[in-house]
């Protein structure tokens, strides 16, 4: 038996932990990292009665080793690079730029699909929860954090169901708090900790955002 049945159940468990920690507050704004983080974030936002938004991130896969993250980009211009990977694989600046250009196109497509012409909300002074379905290297979350800090939130918190201890330590150094339900030493991959871990579709993300808009408090 895996610890989590699916993203919805993981989100419900994470939401209960956050409620116990006192995160049910008027200034709270919940961001899911599409696509897999949105079902988790929806459950968190529903339990905490907070507005739900998306923070769009894209991994920069190393050329020839696309599953290996050499960095990531996020909405509002956040970008991080893993210099160790770049150096070890001798990836040129031109190659990095080509990958980033390709992923920026997909990021902008998702931005238009999920947000349309809706203005990005002000984060100044608010408590911001960045939620994903789990962390592996943490590259995409680090890009989201970098981007979020540019908007001067009052408190920046990362919340995930599962992540390896070393990644958690790296993320903890960047934010005010990390809330994680499970930190196994033998990690391997996020999906191994779920019974059901299918790819989340654009349609599912849009449906959850629509449901949140209809049932959750609007942005104050």
N, C-alpha and C. Protein backbone atom coordinates (compact mmCIF):
# COMPACT_ATOMS: atom_id res chain seq x y z
N UNK A 1 0.84 -1.20 0.00
CA UNK A 1 0.00 0.00 0.00
C UNK A 1 0.87 1.25 0.00
N UNK A 2 0.63 2.13 -0.98
CA UNK A 2 1.39 3.38 -1.07
C UNK A 2 0.82 4.40 -0.07
N UNK A 3 1.62 5.37 0.35
CA UNK A 3 1.14 6.37 1.32
C UNK A 3 -0.05 7.20 0.83
N UNK A 4 -0.09 7.48 -0.50
CA UNK A 4 -1.15 8.33 -1.03
C UNK A 4 -1.91 7.58 -2.13
N UNK A 5 -3.23 7.65 -2.07
CA UNK A 5 -4.06 7.00 -3.09
C UNK A 5 -3.91 7.73 -4.43
N UNK A 6 -4.05 9.06 -4.38
CA UNK A 6 -3.93 9.89 -5.59
C UNK A 6 -3.68 11.32 -5.15
N UNK A 7 -3.63 12.24 -6.10
CA UNK A 7 -3.32 13.64 -5.77
C UNK A 7 -4.41 14.27 -4.91
N UNK A 8 -5.66 13.89 -5.15
CA UNK A 8 -6.75 14.47 -4.37
C UNK A 8 -6.62 14.09 -2.89
N UNK A 9 -6.35 12.82 -2.63
CA UNK A 9 -6.21 12.40 -1.23
C UNK A 9 -4.97 13.02 -0.59
N UNK A 10 -3.88 13.09 -1.35
CA UNK A 10 -2.67 13.72 -0.83
C UNK A 10 -2.95 15.19 -0.49
N UNK A 11 -3.72 15.85 -1.33
CA UNK A 11 -4.08 17.24 -1.07
C UNK A 11 -4.93 17.39 0.18
N UNK A 12 -5.85 16.46 0.39
CA UNK A 12 -6.69 16.50 1.59
C UNK A 12 -5.85 16.33 2.85
N UNK A 13 -4.90 15.40 2.82
CA UNK A 13 -4.03 15.17 3.98
C UNK A 13 -3.13 16.38 4.23
N UNK A 14 -2.60 16.95 3.15
CA UNK A 14 -1.75 18.13 3.28
C UNK A 14 -2.56 19.31 3.83
N UNK A 15 -3.80 19.44 3.36
CA UNK A 15 -4.67 20.52 3.82
C UNK A 15 -4.94 20.43 5.32
N UNK A 16 -5.15 19.20 5.81
CA UNK A 16 -5.39 19.02 7.25
C UNK A 16 -4.17 19.44 8.06
N UNK A 17 -2.98 19.08 7.58
CA UNK A 17 -1.76 19.48 8.28
C UNK A 17 -1.65 21.01 8.31
N UNK A 18 -1.92 21.65 7.19
CA UNK A 18 -1.82 23.11 7.12
C UNK A 18 -2.86 23.79 8.02
N UNK A 19 -4.06 23.20 8.08
CA UNK A 19 -5.09 23.75 8.97
C UNK A 19 -4.65 23.64 10.43
N UNK A 20 -4.04 22.52 10.79
CA UNK A 20 -3.54 22.33 12.15
C UNK A 20 -2.47 23.36 12.49
N UNK A 21 -1.70 23.77 11.47
CA UNK A 21 -0.62 24.73 11.67
C UNK A 21 -1.10 26.19 11.65
N UNK A 22 -2.40 26.38 11.44
CA UNK A 22 -2.97 27.72 11.50
C UNK A 22 -2.93 28.52 10.23
N UNK A 23 -2.92 27.84 9.08
CA UNK A 23 -2.83 28.57 7.81
C UNK A 23 -4.18 29.04 7.27
N UNK A 24 -5.24 28.85 8.04
CA UNK A 24 -6.55 29.34 7.61
C UNK A 24 -6.64 30.81 8.03
N UNK A 25 -6.28 31.72 7.11
CA UNK A 25 -6.17 33.13 7.47
C UNK A 25 -6.56 34.00 6.27
N UNK A 26 -7.04 35.22 6.53
CA UNK A 26 -7.57 36.08 5.46
C UNK A 26 -6.55 36.44 4.38
N UNK A 27 -5.27 36.53 4.73
CA UNK A 27 -4.27 36.97 3.74
C UNK A 27 -3.75 35.85 2.86
N UNK A 28 -4.24 34.62 3.07
CA UNK A 28 -3.68 33.45 2.39
C UNK A 28 -4.07 33.40 0.91
N UNK A 29 -3.10 33.03 0.08
CA UNK A 29 -3.34 32.79 -1.34
C UNK A 29 -2.60 31.51 -1.73
N UNK A 30 -3.32 30.55 -2.31
CA UNK A 30 -2.77 29.24 -2.65
C UNK A 30 -2.46 29.19 -4.15
N UNK A 31 -1.23 28.79 -4.47
CA UNK A 31 -0.81 28.61 -5.86
C UNK A 31 -0.48 27.14 -6.10
N UNK A 32 -1.09 26.53 -7.10
CA UNK A 32 -0.70 25.21 -7.54
C UNK A 32 0.28 25.32 -8.69
N UNK A 33 1.26 24.41 -8.75
CA UNK A 33 2.20 24.37 -9.87
C UNK A 33 1.67 23.38 -10.89
N UNK A 34 1.16 23.87 -12.04
CA UNK A 34 0.60 22.97 -13.05
C UNK A 34 1.67 22.08 -13.67
N UNK A 35 1.24 20.86 -14.09
CA UNK A 35 -0.17 20.56 -13.95
C UNK A 35 -0.46 19.74 -12.70
N UNK A 36 0.45 18.85 -12.31
CA UNK A 36 0.17 17.92 -11.23
C UNK A 36 -0.06 18.53 -9.87
N UNK A 37 0.44 19.75 -9.64
CA UNK A 37 0.25 20.39 -8.35
C UNK A 37 -1.13 20.98 -8.16
N UNK A 38 -1.89 21.16 -9.24
CA UNK A 38 -3.18 21.84 -9.13
C UNK A 38 -4.22 21.00 -8.38
N UNK A 39 -4.37 19.68 -8.64
CA UNK A 39 -5.32 18.90 -7.84
C UNK A 39 -5.00 18.92 -6.34
N UNK A 40 -3.72 18.90 -6.01
CA UNK A 40 -3.31 18.98 -4.60
C UNK A 40 -3.66 20.34 -4.04
N UNK A 41 -3.32 21.40 -4.77
CA UNK A 41 -3.58 22.76 -4.33
C UNK A 41 -5.07 23.04 -4.20
N UNK A 42 -5.88 22.45 -5.07
CA UNK A 42 -7.32 22.67 -4.99
C UNK A 42 -7.87 22.18 -3.65
N UNK A 43 -7.42 21.00 -3.23
CA UNK A 43 -7.88 20.46 -1.94
C UNK A 43 -7.41 21.34 -0.78
N UNK A 44 -6.20 21.86 -0.89
CA UNK A 44 -5.69 22.77 0.15
C UNK A 44 -6.52 24.05 0.20
N UNK A 45 -6.75 24.66 -0.97
CA UNK A 45 -7.52 25.90 -1.01
C UNK A 45 -8.94 25.69 -0.50
N UNK A 46 -9.54 24.56 -0.86
CA UNK A 46 -10.91 24.27 -0.42
C UNK A 46 -10.99 24.14 1.10
N UNK A 47 -10.04 23.42 1.70
CA UNK A 47 -10.05 23.21 3.14
C UNK A 47 -9.77 24.51 3.90
N UNK A 48 -8.86 25.34 3.37
CA UNK A 48 -8.46 26.56 4.05
C UNK A 48 -9.31 27.76 3.65
N UNK A 49 -10.27 27.56 2.74
CA UNK A 49 -11.15 28.62 2.26
C UNK A 49 -10.34 29.81 1.75
N UNK A 50 -9.45 29.51 0.82
CA UNK A 50 -8.56 30.52 0.26
C UNK A 50 -8.67 30.54 -1.26
N UNK A 51 -8.39 31.66 -1.91
CA UNK A 51 -8.39 31.71 -3.38
C UNK A 51 -7.32 30.78 -3.94
N UNK A 52 -7.61 30.20 -5.11
CA UNK A 52 -6.67 29.31 -5.79
C UNK A 52 -6.18 29.96 -7.07
N UNK A 53 -4.86 29.96 -7.25
CA UNK A 53 -4.23 30.48 -8.45
C UNK A 53 -3.23 29.45 -8.96
N UNK A 54 -2.63 29.72 -10.11
CA UNK A 54 -1.58 28.84 -10.64
C UNK A 54 -0.28 29.63 -10.81
N UNK A 55 0.83 28.94 -10.51
CA UNK A 55 2.15 29.51 -10.79
C UNK A 55 2.81 28.55 -11.78
N UNK A 56 2.93 29.00 -13.01
CA UNK A 56 3.32 28.11 -14.09
C UNK A 56 4.84 27.99 -14.15
N UNK A 57 5.31 26.77 -14.19
CA UNK A 57 6.75 26.47 -14.20
C UNK A 57 7.04 25.45 -15.30
N UNK A 58 8.25 25.49 -15.81
CA UNK A 58 8.68 24.51 -16.82
C UNK A 58 10.11 24.10 -16.52
N UNK A 59 10.33 22.81 -16.52
CA UNK A 59 11.68 22.28 -16.35
C UNK A 59 12.49 22.53 -17.62
N UNK A 60 13.78 22.83 -17.46
CA UNK A 60 14.72 22.90 -18.59
C UNK A 60 15.51 21.60 -18.60
N UNK A 61 15.14 20.71 -19.50
CA UNK A 61 15.83 19.43 -19.59
C UNK A 61 17.17 19.57 -20.28
N UNK A 62 18.16 18.87 -19.77
CA UNK A 62 19.49 18.92 -20.38
C UNK A 62 19.45 18.29 -21.78
N UNK A 63 20.05 18.92 -22.78
CA UNK A 63 20.05 18.36 -24.14
C UNK A 63 20.62 16.94 -24.15
N UNK A 64 19.85 16.02 -24.74
CA UNK A 64 20.27 14.62 -24.78
C UNK A 64 19.95 13.85 -23.51
N UNK A 65 19.56 14.56 -22.46
CA UNK A 65 19.19 13.95 -21.18
C UNK A 65 17.97 14.71 -20.65
N UNK A 66 16.90 14.70 -21.46
CA UNK A 66 15.78 15.61 -21.21
C UNK A 66 15.12 15.42 -19.85
N UNK A 67 15.20 14.21 -19.27
CA UNK A 67 14.59 13.98 -17.95
C UNK A 67 15.41 14.61 -16.83
N UNK A 68 16.65 14.98 -17.13
CA UNK A 68 17.54 15.58 -16.14
C UNK A 68 17.37 17.09 -16.17
N UNK A 69 16.94 17.68 -15.06
CA UNK A 69 16.70 19.12 -15.02
C UNK A 69 18.01 19.88 -14.86
N UNK A 70 18.34 20.66 -15.88
CA UNK A 70 19.51 21.54 -15.74
C UNK A 70 19.08 22.90 -15.20
N UNK A 71 17.75 23.06 -15.03
CA UNK A 71 17.21 24.30 -14.50
C UNK A 71 15.70 24.34 -14.70
N UNK A 72 15.12 25.51 -14.51
CA UNK A 72 13.68 25.68 -14.68
C UNK A 72 13.36 27.15 -14.85
N UNK A 73 12.19 27.42 -15.44
CA UNK A 73 11.69 28.79 -15.58
C UNK A 73 10.28 28.84 -15.00
N UNK A 74 9.85 30.05 -14.64
CA UNK A 74 8.53 30.21 -14.03
C UNK A 74 7.87 31.48 -14.53
N UNK A 75 6.56 31.59 -14.27
CA UNK A 75 5.82 32.82 -14.57
C UNK A 75 6.54 34.02 -13.99
N UNK A 76 6.40 35.14 -14.64
CA UNK A 76 6.96 36.43 -14.20
C UNK A 76 8.48 36.45 -14.25
N UNK A 77 9.09 35.55 -15.01
CA UNK A 77 10.51 35.68 -15.31
C UNK A 77 11.47 34.94 -14.41
N UNK A 78 10.98 34.16 -13.45
CA UNK A 78 11.90 33.42 -12.60
C UNK A 78 12.66 32.35 -13.37
N UNK A 79 13.99 32.27 -13.14
CA UNK A 79 14.79 31.23 -13.79
C UNK A 79 15.90 30.80 -12.85
N UNK A 80 16.14 29.48 -12.79
CA UNK A 80 17.29 28.97 -12.05
C UNK A 80 18.02 27.97 -12.94
N UNK A 81 19.33 27.86 -12.75
CA UNK A 81 20.16 26.89 -13.46
C UNK A 81 20.94 26.07 -12.45
N UNK A 82 21.06 24.77 -12.72
CA UNK A 82 21.92 23.91 -11.92
C UNK A 82 23.30 23.93 -12.58
N UNK A 83 24.16 24.78 -12.06
CA UNK A 83 25.45 24.99 -12.70
C UNK A 83 26.30 23.73 -12.70
N UNK A 84 26.11 22.90 -11.68
CA UNK A 84 26.87 21.65 -11.61
C UNK A 84 26.56 20.74 -12.79
N UNK A 85 25.28 20.64 -13.14
CA UNK A 85 24.88 19.82 -14.29
C UNK A 85 25.34 20.47 -15.60
N UNK A 86 25.16 21.78 -15.69
CA UNK A 86 25.60 22.50 -16.90
C UNK A 86 27.09 22.28 -17.15
N UNK A 87 27.88 22.38 -16.09
CA UNK A 87 29.33 22.22 -16.23
C UNK A 87 29.72 20.78 -16.52
N UNK A 88 29.09 19.83 -15.82
CA UNK A 88 29.47 18.42 -15.99
C UNK A 88 29.14 17.90 -17.38
N UNK A 89 28.06 18.40 -17.98
CA UNK A 89 27.67 17.97 -19.33
C UNK A 89 28.19 18.94 -20.41
N UNK A 90 28.91 19.97 -19.97
CA UNK A 90 29.48 20.96 -20.89
C UNK A 90 28.41 21.53 -21.84
N UNK A 91 27.32 21.98 -21.25
CA UNK A 91 26.20 22.53 -22.03
C UNK A 91 26.50 23.99 -22.33
N UNK A 92 26.46 24.34 -23.59
CA UNK A 92 26.81 25.69 -24.00
C UNK A 92 25.67 26.67 -23.70
N UNK A 93 26.02 27.95 -23.67
CA UNK A 93 25.02 29.00 -23.45
C UNK A 93 23.97 28.98 -24.57
N UNK A 94 24.40 28.71 -25.79
CA UNK A 94 23.46 28.65 -26.92
C UNK A 94 22.46 27.51 -26.74
N UNK A 95 22.95 26.36 -26.27
CA UNK A 95 22.07 25.21 -26.06
C UNK A 95 21.06 25.50 -24.95
N UNK A 96 21.51 26.15 -23.89
CA UNK A 96 20.60 26.53 -22.79
C UNK A 96 19.53 27.47 -23.31
N UNK A 97 19.96 28.46 -24.10
CA UNK A 97 19.02 29.44 -24.64
C UNK A 97 17.98 28.77 -25.54
N UNK A 98 18.40 27.78 -26.33
CA UNK A 98 17.47 27.09 -27.23
C UNK A 98 16.42 26.32 -26.43
N UNK A 99 16.85 25.62 -25.37
CA UNK A 99 15.90 24.88 -24.53
C UNK A 99 14.96 25.85 -23.82
N UNK A 100 15.52 26.94 -23.31
CA UNK A 100 14.68 27.91 -22.61
C UNK A 100 13.65 28.54 -23.55
N UNK A 101 14.05 28.84 -24.76
CA UNK A 101 13.13 29.44 -25.74
C UNK A 101 11.96 28.49 -26.01
N UNK A 102 12.27 27.20 -26.16
CA UNK A 102 11.23 26.20 -26.41
C UNK A 102 10.27 26.10 -25.22
N UNK A 103 10.83 26.04 -24.02
CA UNK A 103 10.00 25.90 -22.83
C UNK A 103 9.24 27.18 -22.51
N UNK A 104 9.81 28.32 -22.86
CA UNK A 104 9.12 29.59 -22.65
C UNK A 104 7.86 29.64 -23.51
N UNK A 105 7.93 29.09 -24.72
CA UNK A 105 6.76 29.04 -25.59
C UNK A 105 5.64 28.22 -24.94
N UNK A 106 5.99 27.07 -24.37
CA UNK A 106 4.99 26.24 -23.70
C UNK A 106 4.47 26.92 -22.44
N UNK A 107 5.35 27.59 -21.70
CA UNK A 107 4.91 28.31 -20.50
C UNK A 107 3.89 29.39 -20.88
N UNK A 108 4.18 30.12 -21.94
CA UNK A 108 3.27 31.19 -22.37
C UNK A 108 1.94 30.61 -22.87
N UNK A 109 1.99 29.42 -23.51
CA UNK A 109 0.75 28.77 -23.94
C UNK A 109 -0.12 28.43 -22.73
N UNK A 110 0.51 27.87 -21.70
CA UNK A 110 -0.25 27.50 -20.50
C UNK A 110 -0.74 28.75 -19.76
N UNK A 111 0.09 29.79 -19.75
CA UNK A 111 -0.31 31.04 -19.11
C UNK A 111 -1.59 31.57 -19.75
N UNK A 112 -1.63 31.56 -21.07
CA UNK A 112 -2.80 32.05 -21.79
C UNK A 112 -3.99 31.12 -21.56
N UNK A 113 -3.75 29.81 -21.57
CA UNK A 113 -4.84 28.84 -21.41
C UNK A 113 -5.44 28.90 -20.01
N UNK A 114 -4.59 28.95 -18.99
CA UNK A 114 -5.08 28.87 -17.61
C UNK A 114 -5.51 30.23 -17.05
N UNK A 115 -4.83 31.29 -17.47
CA UNK A 115 -5.12 32.60 -16.88
C UNK A 115 -5.83 33.54 -17.84
N UNK A 116 -5.71 33.30 -19.16
CA UNK A 116 -6.32 34.19 -20.12
C UNK A 116 -5.78 35.60 -19.96
N UNK A 117 -6.68 36.57 -19.91
CA UNK A 117 -6.27 37.97 -19.75
C UNK A 117 -6.35 38.45 -18.31
N UNK A 118 -6.56 37.51 -17.39
CA UNK A 118 -6.69 37.87 -15.98
C UNK A 118 -5.36 38.37 -15.43
N UNK A 119 -5.38 39.50 -14.76
CA UNK A 119 -4.15 40.08 -14.22
C UNK A 119 -3.59 39.20 -13.10
N UNK A 120 -2.27 39.15 -13.01
CA UNK A 120 -1.63 38.40 -11.94
C UNK A 120 -1.91 39.12 -10.62
N UNK A 121 -2.31 38.39 -9.58
CA UNK A 121 -2.68 39.06 -8.33
C UNK A 121 -1.49 39.67 -7.61
N UNK A 122 -1.76 40.71 -6.83
CA UNK A 122 -0.72 41.29 -5.99
C UNK A 122 -0.42 40.36 -4.82
N UNK A 123 0.85 40.11 -4.57
CA UNK A 123 1.25 39.24 -3.46
C UNK A 123 1.78 40.03 -2.27
N UNK A 124 1.90 41.33 -2.41
CA UNK A 124 2.58 42.13 -1.40
C UNK A 124 1.91 41.98 -0.03
N UNK A 125 2.70 41.54 0.94
CA UNK A 125 2.23 41.41 2.31
C UNK A 125 1.38 40.18 2.59
N UNK A 126 1.11 39.37 1.58
CA UNK A 126 0.23 38.21 1.77
C UNK A 126 1.03 36.97 2.12
N UNK A 127 0.34 35.99 2.71
CA UNK A 127 0.92 34.67 2.92
C UNK A 127 0.67 33.83 1.67
N UNK A 128 1.73 33.35 1.05
CA UNK A 128 1.65 32.63 -0.21
C UNK A 128 2.05 31.17 0.01
N UNK A 129 1.17 30.27 -0.39
CA UNK A 129 1.47 28.83 -0.36
C UNK A 129 1.74 28.36 -1.78
N UNK A 130 2.94 27.86 -2.04
CA UNK A 130 3.27 27.24 -3.32
C UNK A 130 3.14 25.73 -3.13
N UNK A 131 2.24 25.11 -3.90
CA UNK A 131 1.89 23.71 -3.69
C UNK A 131 2.18 22.88 -4.92
N UNK A 132 2.83 21.72 -4.73
CA UNK A 132 3.03 20.77 -5.82
C UNK A 132 2.70 19.38 -5.31
N UNK A 133 2.69 18.39 -6.22
CA UNK A 133 2.36 17.02 -5.81
C UNK A 133 3.56 16.29 -5.21
N UNK A 134 4.72 16.94 -5.21
CA UNK A 134 5.93 16.39 -4.63
C UNK A 134 7.13 17.09 -5.24
N UNK A 135 8.28 16.91 -4.60
CA UNK A 135 9.52 17.47 -5.11
C UNK A 135 10.52 16.35 -5.35
N UNK A 136 11.27 16.45 -6.43
CA UNK A 136 12.38 15.51 -6.66
C UNK A 136 13.68 16.33 -6.53
N UNK A 137 14.13 16.94 -7.61
CA UNK A 137 15.30 17.84 -7.50
C UNK A 137 14.91 19.20 -6.93
N UNK A 138 13.61 19.55 -7.07
CA UNK A 138 13.16 20.86 -6.61
C UNK A 138 13.40 21.98 -7.59
N UNK A 139 13.84 21.67 -8.81
CA UNK A 139 14.21 22.73 -9.77
C UNK A 139 13.03 23.64 -10.10
N UNK A 140 11.87 23.06 -10.40
CA UNK A 140 10.73 23.91 -10.78
C UNK A 140 10.24 24.72 -9.59
N UNK A 141 10.26 24.13 -8.39
CA UNK A 141 9.83 24.88 -7.21
C UNK A 141 10.79 26.04 -6.93
N UNK A 142 12.09 25.82 -7.12
CA UNK A 142 13.06 26.89 -6.91
C UNK A 142 12.81 28.04 -7.88
N UNK A 143 12.44 27.73 -9.12
CA UNK A 143 12.13 28.78 -10.09
C UNK A 143 10.90 29.56 -9.66
N UNK A 144 9.88 28.84 -9.16
CA UNK A 144 8.68 29.52 -8.67
C UNK A 144 9.00 30.41 -7.47
N UNK A 145 9.84 29.93 -6.58
CA UNK A 145 10.25 30.72 -5.41
C UNK A 145 10.96 32.00 -5.84
N UNK A 146 11.90 31.85 -6.77
CA UNK A 146 12.64 33.01 -7.28
C UNK A 146 11.69 34.05 -7.85
N UNK A 147 10.72 33.58 -8.62
CA UNK A 147 9.74 34.46 -9.23
C UNK A 147 8.85 35.10 -8.17
N UNK A 148 8.41 34.31 -7.19
CA UNK A 148 7.51 34.82 -6.14
C UNK A 148 8.17 35.91 -5.30
N UNK A 149 9.45 35.73 -5.01
CA UNK A 149 10.15 36.71 -4.17
C UNK A 149 10.20 38.09 -4.81
N UNK A 150 10.15 38.13 -6.14
CA UNK A 150 10.16 39.41 -6.83
C UNK A 150 8.90 40.22 -6.57
N UNK A 151 7.86 39.54 -6.04
CA UNK A 151 6.57 40.19 -5.82
C UNK A 151 6.32 40.52 -4.34
N UNK A 152 7.34 40.35 -3.51
CA UNK A 152 7.35 40.80 -2.11
C UNK A 152 6.19 40.28 -1.26
N UNK A 153 6.01 38.97 -1.20
CA UNK A 153 4.99 38.44 -0.30
C UNK A 153 5.38 38.68 1.16
N UNK A 154 4.37 38.67 2.05
CA UNK A 154 4.67 38.81 3.46
C UNK A 154 5.30 37.55 4.03
N UNK A 155 4.84 36.41 3.56
CA UNK A 155 5.35 35.12 4.02
C UNK A 155 5.26 34.13 2.87
N UNK A 156 6.31 33.39 2.61
CA UNK A 156 6.36 32.46 1.49
C UNK A 156 6.57 31.04 2.02
N UNK A 157 5.62 30.16 1.70
CA UNK A 157 5.61 28.80 2.24
C UNK A 157 5.47 27.80 1.11
N UNK A 158 6.25 26.72 1.15
CA UNK A 158 6.12 25.62 0.20
C UNK A 158 5.44 24.45 0.91
N UNK A 159 4.44 23.86 0.26
CA UNK A 159 3.71 22.73 0.85
C UNK A 159 3.59 21.61 -0.17
N UNK A 160 4.08 20.42 0.19
CA UNK A 160 4.06 19.25 -0.71
C UNK A 160 3.79 17.99 0.11
N UNK A 161 3.22 16.97 -0.52
CA UNK A 161 3.01 15.70 0.19
C UNK A 161 4.31 14.93 0.45
N UNK A 162 5.25 14.97 -0.51
CA UNK A 162 6.43 14.11 -0.39
C UNK A 162 7.64 14.74 -1.07
N UNK A 163 8.81 14.52 -0.48
CA UNK A 163 10.06 15.03 -1.06
C UNK A 163 11.23 14.38 -0.33
N UNK A 164 12.40 14.27 -0.98
CA UNK A 164 13.58 13.73 -0.30
C UNK A 164 14.16 14.75 0.68
N UNK A 165 14.80 14.29 1.75
CA UNK A 165 15.32 15.21 2.77
C UNK A 165 16.29 16.26 2.24
N UNK A 166 17.18 15.89 1.31
CA UNK A 166 18.16 16.86 0.84
C UNK A 166 17.50 18.00 0.06
N UNK A 167 16.50 17.67 -0.76
CA UNK A 167 15.77 18.71 -1.48
C UNK A 167 15.00 19.60 -0.52
N UNK A 168 14.38 19.00 0.49
CA UNK A 168 13.66 19.79 1.48
C UNK A 168 14.58 20.79 2.16
N UNK A 169 15.78 20.36 2.48
CA UNK A 169 16.73 21.26 3.14
C UNK A 169 17.09 22.44 2.23
N UNK A 170 17.26 22.18 0.93
CA UNK A 170 17.58 23.25 -0.02
C UNK A 170 16.42 24.24 -0.13
N UNK A 171 15.19 23.71 -0.20
CA UNK A 171 14.01 24.56 -0.31
C UNK A 171 13.81 25.36 0.97
N UNK A 172 14.00 24.71 2.11
CA UNK A 172 13.81 25.38 3.40
C UNK A 172 14.69 26.63 3.53
N UNK A 173 15.87 26.57 2.94
CA UNK A 173 16.79 27.72 3.01
C UNK A 173 16.30 28.91 2.19
N UNK A 174 15.32 28.69 1.32
CA UNK A 174 14.87 29.74 0.41
C UNK A 174 13.57 30.40 0.82
N UNK A 175 12.80 29.77 1.74
CA UNK A 175 11.46 30.25 2.08
C UNK A 175 11.30 30.37 3.60
N UNK A 176 10.14 30.84 4.02
CA UNK A 176 9.88 31.00 5.45
C UNK A 176 9.56 29.67 6.12
N UNK A 177 8.88 28.77 5.40
CA UNK A 177 8.55 27.48 5.98
C UNK A 177 8.28 26.47 4.86
N UNK A 178 8.61 25.21 5.15
CA UNK A 178 8.25 24.10 4.26
C UNK A 178 7.38 23.13 5.06
N UNK A 179 6.24 22.75 4.48
CA UNK A 179 5.36 21.76 5.09
C UNK A 179 5.34 20.55 4.17
N UNK A 180 5.79 19.41 4.68
CA UNK A 180 5.89 18.19 3.89
C UNK A 180 5.45 17.02 4.76
N UNK A 181 4.58 16.17 4.21
CA UNK A 181 4.04 15.06 4.99
C UNK A 181 5.00 13.89 5.10
N UNK A 182 5.82 13.68 4.08
CA UNK A 182 6.65 12.47 4.01
C UNK A 182 7.99 12.82 3.38
N UNK A 183 9.09 12.45 4.06
CA UNK A 183 10.44 12.73 3.55
C UNK A 183 11.29 11.47 3.61
N UNK A 184 11.04 10.51 2.71
CA UNK A 184 11.77 9.24 2.76
C UNK A 184 13.22 9.38 2.29
N UNK A 185 14.13 8.70 2.96
CA UNK A 185 15.54 8.71 2.55
C UNK A 185 15.72 8.03 1.19
N UNK A 186 15.00 6.93 0.97
CA UNK A 186 15.06 6.22 -0.31
C UNK A 186 13.90 6.72 -1.15
N UNK A 187 14.15 7.76 -1.97
CA UNK A 187 13.06 8.50 -2.62
C UNK A 187 12.76 8.03 -4.05
N UNK A 188 13.73 8.11 -4.91
CA UNK A 188 13.67 7.77 -6.33
C UNK A 188 12.81 8.71 -7.16
N UNK A 189 11.47 8.70 -6.98
CA UNK A 189 10.60 9.53 -7.81
C UNK A 189 9.29 9.81 -7.09
N UNK A 190 8.70 10.96 -7.40
CA UNK A 190 7.45 11.36 -6.74
C UNK A 190 6.35 10.31 -6.94
N UNK A 191 6.20 9.82 -8.18
CA UNK A 191 5.11 8.91 -8.50
C UNK A 191 5.12 7.60 -7.75
N UNK A 192 6.27 7.19 -7.22
CA UNK A 192 6.36 5.93 -6.49
C UNK A 192 5.61 5.94 -5.17
N UNK A 193 5.24 7.14 -4.70
CA UNK A 193 4.57 7.26 -3.41
C UNK A 193 3.06 7.39 -3.54
N UNK A 194 2.57 7.24 -4.77
CA UNK A 194 1.14 7.30 -5.07
C UNK A 194 0.66 5.99 -5.66
N UNK A 195 -0.55 5.56 -5.27
CA UNK A 195 -1.19 4.40 -5.92
C UNK A 195 -1.53 4.72 -7.37
N UNK A 196 -2.11 5.90 -7.57
CA UNK A 196 -2.52 6.33 -8.92
C UNK A 196 -1.86 7.68 -9.18
N UNK A 197 -1.07 7.74 -10.26
CA UNK A 197 -0.31 8.96 -10.55
C UNK A 197 -0.30 9.23 -12.05
N UNK A 198 -1.51 9.34 -12.65
CA UNK A 198 -1.56 9.64 -14.09
C UNK A 198 -1.18 11.09 -14.35
N UNK A 199 -0.82 11.38 -15.59
CA UNK A 199 -0.51 12.75 -15.95
C UNK A 199 -1.78 13.60 -15.84
N UNK A 200 -1.67 14.76 -15.24
CA UNK A 200 -2.80 15.68 -15.13
C UNK A 200 -2.97 16.40 -16.46
N UNK A 201 -4.20 16.48 -16.95
CA UNK A 201 -4.45 17.10 -18.26
C UNK A 201 -4.77 18.59 -18.11
N UNK A 202 -4.64 19.31 -19.22
CA UNK A 202 -5.07 20.71 -19.25
C UNK A 202 -6.54 20.83 -18.86
N UNK A 203 -7.35 19.88 -19.33
CA UNK A 203 -8.79 19.92 -19.06
C UNK A 203 -9.07 19.81 -17.56
N UNK A 204 -8.32 18.96 -16.88
CA UNK A 204 -8.50 18.80 -15.44
C UNK A 204 -8.11 20.08 -14.70
N UNK A 205 -7.00 20.68 -15.11
CA UNK A 205 -6.57 21.94 -14.49
C UNK A 205 -7.65 23.01 -14.67
N UNK A 206 -8.16 23.16 -15.89
CA UNK A 206 -9.17 24.17 -16.17
C UNK A 206 -10.45 23.92 -15.38
N UNK A 207 -10.82 22.64 -15.24
CA UNK A 207 -12.03 22.31 -14.49
C UNK A 207 -11.88 22.67 -13.02
N UNK A 208 -10.73 22.38 -12.44
CA UNK A 208 -10.49 22.69 -11.03
C UNK A 208 -10.43 24.20 -10.80
N UNK A 209 -9.81 24.94 -11.72
CA UNK A 209 -9.75 26.39 -11.58
C UNK A 209 -11.14 27.00 -11.69
N UNK A 210 -11.96 26.46 -12.58
CA UNK A 210 -13.34 26.93 -12.72
C UNK A 210 -14.15 26.64 -11.47
N UNK A 211 -13.97 25.43 -10.93
CA UNK A 211 -14.68 25.05 -9.71
C UNK A 211 -14.26 25.94 -8.54
N UNK A 212 -12.95 26.22 -8.46
CA UNK A 212 -12.46 27.08 -7.39
C UNK A 212 -13.03 28.49 -7.50
N UNK A 213 -13.09 29.01 -8.71
CA UNK A 213 -13.59 30.35 -8.92
C UNK A 213 -15.06 30.45 -8.51
N UNK A 214 -15.81 29.34 -8.70
CA UNK A 214 -17.24 29.34 -8.39
C UNK A 214 -17.53 29.13 -6.91
N UNK A 215 -16.63 28.45 -6.20
CA UNK A 215 -16.95 28.02 -4.83
C UNK A 215 -16.05 28.60 -3.74
N UNK A 216 -14.87 29.12 -4.10
CA UNK A 216 -13.93 29.60 -3.10
C UNK A 216 -13.97 31.13 -3.03
N UNK A 217 -13.49 31.72 -1.93
CA UNK A 217 -13.51 33.18 -1.81
C UNK A 217 -12.73 33.83 -2.94
N UNK A 218 -13.23 34.98 -3.42
CA UNK A 218 -12.48 35.72 -4.45
C UNK A 218 -11.27 36.40 -3.84
N UNK A 219 -10.35 36.85 -4.69
CA UNK A 219 -9.21 37.61 -4.22
C UNK A 219 -9.67 38.89 -3.55
N UNK A 220 -9.17 39.15 -2.35
CA UNK A 220 -9.56 40.35 -1.63
C UNK A 220 -8.68 41.51 -2.06
